N, C-alpha and C. Protein backbone atom coordinates (compact mmCIF):
# COMPACT_ATOMS: atom_id res chain seq x y z
N MET A 1 199.50 164.67 -9.95
CA MET A 1 199.54 164.08 -11.28
C MET A 1 198.12 163.98 -11.83
N ARG A 2 197.96 164.50 -13.04
CA ARG A 2 196.67 164.36 -13.72
C ARG A 2 196.77 163.26 -14.77
N VAL A 3 195.64 162.66 -15.07
CA VAL A 3 195.55 161.69 -16.16
C VAL A 3 194.70 162.33 -17.25
N LEU A 4 195.32 162.54 -18.43
CA LEU A 4 194.64 163.16 -19.55
C LEU A 4 194.39 162.10 -20.62
N PHE A 5 193.39 162.32 -21.47
CA PHE A 5 193.01 161.33 -22.47
C PHE A 5 193.12 161.89 -23.88
N HIS A 6 193.87 161.22 -24.72
CA HIS A 6 193.92 161.54 -26.15
C HIS A 6 192.57 161.14 -26.75
N PRO A 7 192.09 161.84 -27.78
CA PRO A 7 190.81 161.46 -28.41
C PRO A 7 190.77 160.00 -28.86
N HIS A 8 191.89 159.47 -29.33
CA HIS A 8 191.95 158.06 -29.73
C HIS A 8 191.63 157.15 -28.54
N ALA A 9 192.21 157.46 -27.39
CA ALA A 9 191.96 156.65 -26.19
C ALA A 9 190.49 156.70 -25.79
N LEU A 10 189.87 157.85 -25.86
CA LEU A 10 188.45 157.98 -25.51
C LEU A 10 187.59 157.12 -26.44
N GLU A 11 187.92 157.10 -27.73
CA GLU A 11 187.18 156.26 -28.67
C GLU A 11 187.36 154.78 -28.36
N ARG A 12 188.58 154.37 -28.05
CA ARG A 12 188.84 152.96 -27.75
C ARG A 12 188.15 152.55 -26.44
N MET A 13 188.09 153.46 -25.47
CA MET A 13 187.44 153.13 -24.20
C MET A 13 185.97 152.81 -24.41
N VAL A 14 185.28 153.62 -25.20
CA VAL A 14 183.86 153.37 -25.49
C VAL A 14 183.71 152.05 -26.24
N GLU A 15 184.54 151.86 -27.25
CA GLU A 15 184.49 150.68 -28.09
C GLU A 15 184.77 149.40 -27.31
N ARG A 16 185.65 149.48 -26.30
CA ARG A 16 186.12 148.28 -25.60
C ARG A 16 185.54 148.12 -24.20
N GLY A 17 184.74 149.07 -23.74
CA GLY A 17 184.03 148.90 -22.48
C GLY A 17 184.75 149.33 -21.23
N ALA A 18 185.62 150.31 -21.31
CA ALA A 18 186.32 150.82 -20.12
C ALA A 18 185.82 152.23 -19.81
N SER A 19 185.67 152.52 -18.55
CA SER A 19 185.24 153.86 -18.14
C SER A 19 186.47 154.73 -17.85
N GLU A 20 186.26 156.04 -17.82
CA GLU A 20 187.35 156.95 -17.47
C GLU A 20 187.87 156.65 -16.07
N ASP A 21 186.97 156.36 -15.14
CA ASP A 21 187.38 156.06 -13.77
C ASP A 21 188.27 154.81 -13.71
N GLU A 22 187.91 153.77 -14.47
CA GLU A 22 188.73 152.55 -14.48
C GLU A 22 190.12 152.84 -15.05
N VAL A 23 190.19 153.61 -16.10
CA VAL A 23 191.49 153.91 -16.71
C VAL A 23 192.32 154.79 -15.76
N MET A 24 191.69 155.76 -15.12
CA MET A 24 192.42 156.60 -14.17
C MET A 24 192.98 155.76 -13.03
N LEU A 25 192.18 154.83 -12.47
CA LEU A 25 192.67 153.95 -11.41
C LEU A 25 193.80 153.05 -11.91
N THR A 26 193.70 152.61 -13.15
CA THR A 26 194.75 151.76 -13.72
C THR A 26 196.07 152.52 -13.78
N VAL A 27 196.03 153.76 -14.22
CA VAL A 27 197.26 154.57 -14.30
C VAL A 27 197.78 154.91 -12.91
N GLN A 28 196.90 155.24 -12.00
CA GLN A 28 197.32 155.68 -10.67
C GLN A 28 197.75 154.53 -9.76
N GLU A 29 197.12 153.37 -9.87
CA GLU A 29 197.36 152.29 -8.91
C GLU A 29 197.77 150.96 -9.53
N GLY A 30 197.74 150.86 -10.86
CA GLY A 30 198.02 149.58 -11.51
C GLY A 30 199.49 149.27 -11.64
N GLU A 31 199.75 148.07 -12.14
CA GLU A 31 201.12 147.62 -12.43
C GLU A 31 201.66 148.46 -13.60
N GLN A 32 202.88 148.91 -13.47
CA GLN A 32 203.50 149.73 -14.51
C GLN A 32 204.57 148.90 -15.22
N PHE A 33 204.64 149.02 -16.56
CA PHE A 33 205.64 148.28 -17.33
C PHE A 33 206.05 149.08 -18.56
N PRO A 34 207.28 148.85 -19.06
CA PRO A 34 207.74 149.57 -20.25
C PRO A 34 207.02 149.05 -21.49
N ALA A 35 206.75 149.95 -22.43
CA ALA A 35 206.07 149.59 -23.67
C ALA A 35 206.86 150.14 -24.86
N LYS A 36 206.44 149.79 -26.05
CA LYS A 36 207.12 150.24 -27.27
C LYS A 36 207.03 151.75 -27.44
N PHE A 37 207.96 152.26 -28.23
CA PHE A 37 207.99 153.66 -28.65
C PHE A 37 208.12 154.64 -27.48
N GLY A 38 208.78 154.21 -26.40
CA GLY A 38 209.00 155.09 -25.25
C GLY A 38 207.78 155.32 -24.39
N ARG A 39 206.76 154.53 -24.59
CA ARG A 39 205.53 154.67 -23.79
C ARG A 39 205.62 153.83 -22.54
N THR A 40 204.68 154.06 -21.64
CA THR A 40 204.57 153.29 -20.41
C THR A 40 203.21 152.63 -20.40
N GLY A 41 203.20 151.35 -20.06
CA GLY A 41 201.94 150.61 -19.94
C GLY A 41 201.54 150.49 -18.49
N PHE A 42 200.26 150.45 -18.26
CA PHE A 42 199.69 150.25 -16.93
C PHE A 42 198.64 149.17 -17.04
N ARG A 43 198.58 148.26 -16.06
CA ARG A 43 197.64 147.15 -16.11
C ARG A 43 196.98 146.98 -14.74
N ARG A 44 195.68 146.75 -14.77
CA ARG A 44 194.96 146.50 -13.52
C ARG A 44 193.76 145.62 -13.81
N ASN A 45 193.50 144.66 -12.90
CA ASN A 45 192.33 143.79 -12.99
C ASN A 45 191.22 144.34 -12.10
N PHE A 46 190.01 144.31 -12.64
CA PHE A 46 188.84 144.72 -11.88
C PHE A 46 187.91 143.52 -11.75
N PRO A 47 187.64 143.06 -10.52
CA PRO A 47 186.71 141.95 -10.35
C PRO A 47 185.28 142.45 -10.51
N VAL A 48 184.65 142.04 -11.61
CA VAL A 48 183.30 142.51 -11.91
C VAL A 48 182.53 141.34 -12.51
N GLU A 49 181.41 141.02 -11.93
CA GLU A 49 180.53 140.02 -12.53
C GLU A 49 179.62 140.74 -13.51
N GLY A 50 179.60 140.31 -14.75
CA GLY A 50 178.74 141.00 -15.69
C GLY A 50 178.75 140.39 -17.07
N LEU A 51 178.07 141.06 -17.97
CA LEU A 51 177.99 140.66 -19.37
C LEU A 51 178.73 141.66 -20.25
N TRP A 52 179.42 141.15 -21.25
CA TRP A 52 180.01 141.99 -22.28
C TRP A 52 179.80 141.28 -23.60
N ARG A 53 179.06 141.92 -24.47
CA ARG A 53 178.76 141.38 -25.78
C ARG A 53 178.16 139.97 -25.70
N GLY A 54 177.24 139.80 -24.75
CA GLY A 54 176.50 138.55 -24.62
C GLY A 54 177.20 137.43 -23.89
N ARG A 55 178.36 137.68 -23.31
CA ARG A 55 179.10 136.65 -22.57
C ARG A 55 179.30 137.09 -21.13
N ASN A 56 179.26 136.11 -20.23
CA ASN A 56 179.53 136.38 -18.81
C ASN A 56 181.03 136.49 -18.58
N PHE A 57 181.41 137.34 -17.65
CA PHE A 57 182.82 137.45 -17.27
C PHE A 57 182.90 137.80 -15.79
N ALA A 58 184.05 137.48 -15.20
CA ALA A 58 184.26 137.76 -13.78
C ALA A 58 185.33 138.81 -13.55
N VAL A 59 186.23 138.96 -14.53
CA VAL A 59 187.34 139.91 -14.38
C VAL A 59 187.47 140.73 -15.66
N LYS A 60 187.65 142.02 -15.47
CA LYS A 60 187.95 142.92 -16.58
C LYS A 60 189.37 143.43 -16.37
N GLN A 61 190.26 143.18 -17.34
CA GLN A 61 191.63 143.66 -17.26
C GLN A 61 191.77 144.88 -18.17
N VAL A 62 192.20 145.98 -17.59
CA VAL A 62 192.36 147.21 -18.33
C VAL A 62 193.86 147.49 -18.48
N GLU A 63 194.29 147.75 -19.72
CA GLU A 63 195.66 148.18 -19.99
C GLU A 63 195.59 149.55 -20.63
N ALA A 64 196.35 150.48 -20.09
CA ALA A 64 196.42 151.83 -20.63
C ALA A 64 197.87 152.09 -21.04
N TYR A 65 198.05 152.66 -22.22
CA TYR A 65 199.37 153.01 -22.71
C TYR A 65 199.45 154.53 -22.77
N ALA A 66 200.49 155.07 -22.12
CA ALA A 66 200.55 156.52 -21.93
C ALA A 66 201.97 157.05 -22.11
N VAL A 67 202.04 158.36 -22.28
CA VAL A 67 203.32 159.07 -22.29
C VAL A 67 203.28 160.11 -21.18
N GLU A 68 204.43 160.33 -20.58
CA GLU A 68 204.50 161.32 -19.50
C GLU A 68 204.76 162.69 -20.12
N GLU A 69 203.93 163.64 -19.75
CA GLU A 69 204.08 165.02 -20.20
C GLU A 69 204.19 165.90 -18.97
N GLN A 70 205.40 166.34 -18.69
CA GLN A 70 205.73 167.08 -17.48
C GLN A 70 205.33 166.22 -16.28
N GLU A 71 204.34 166.59 -15.51
CA GLU A 71 203.96 165.77 -14.36
C GLU A 71 202.65 165.01 -14.60
N ASP A 72 202.14 165.05 -15.82
CA ASP A 72 200.88 164.40 -16.15
C ASP A 72 201.12 163.18 -17.02
N TRP A 73 200.10 162.31 -17.10
CA TRP A 73 200.12 161.18 -18.01
C TRP A 73 199.07 161.42 -19.09
N LEU A 74 199.47 161.27 -20.35
CA LEU A 74 198.55 161.36 -21.47
C LEU A 74 198.31 159.94 -21.97
N VAL A 75 197.10 159.44 -21.77
CA VAL A 75 196.74 158.09 -22.20
C VAL A 75 196.51 158.12 -23.71
N ILE A 76 197.25 157.27 -24.43
CA ILE A 76 197.20 157.22 -25.88
C ILE A 76 196.16 156.21 -26.36
N THR A 77 196.15 155.03 -25.75
CA THR A 77 195.19 154.00 -26.13
C THR A 77 194.89 153.11 -24.94
N VAL A 78 193.81 152.35 -25.06
CA VAL A 78 193.36 151.47 -23.98
C VAL A 78 192.96 150.13 -24.58
N ILE A 79 193.37 149.06 -23.91
CA ILE A 79 192.99 147.71 -24.30
C ILE A 79 192.27 147.09 -23.11
N VAL A 80 191.20 146.36 -23.39
CA VAL A 80 190.42 145.71 -22.33
C VAL A 80 190.29 144.24 -22.67
N ARG A 81 190.53 143.39 -21.68
CA ARG A 81 190.35 141.94 -21.83
C ARG A 81 189.34 141.47 -20.77
N TYR A 82 188.55 140.53 -21.15
CA TYR A 82 187.54 139.99 -20.24
C TYR A 82 187.83 138.51 -20.00
N TYR A 83 187.78 138.12 -18.71
CA TYR A 83 188.03 136.73 -18.31
C TYR A 83 186.88 136.20 -17.50
């Protein structure tokens, strides 16, 4: 199974602070759940001590929304939350 990225998802990843590796791990190993419009959501927490936009955080939660295309996943968008 390959994880492919729609251009929209790549833009959101840069904007929201997620790397391609984090999104790939989220799709491959994260929690899977049904999403709107026939899509599939994936969620995974990454324990990371760091700064994002001037604030400290301990956990980065990555959510990827994808559609299955044959045996691959096409990531449509990515949401990132910091805790």
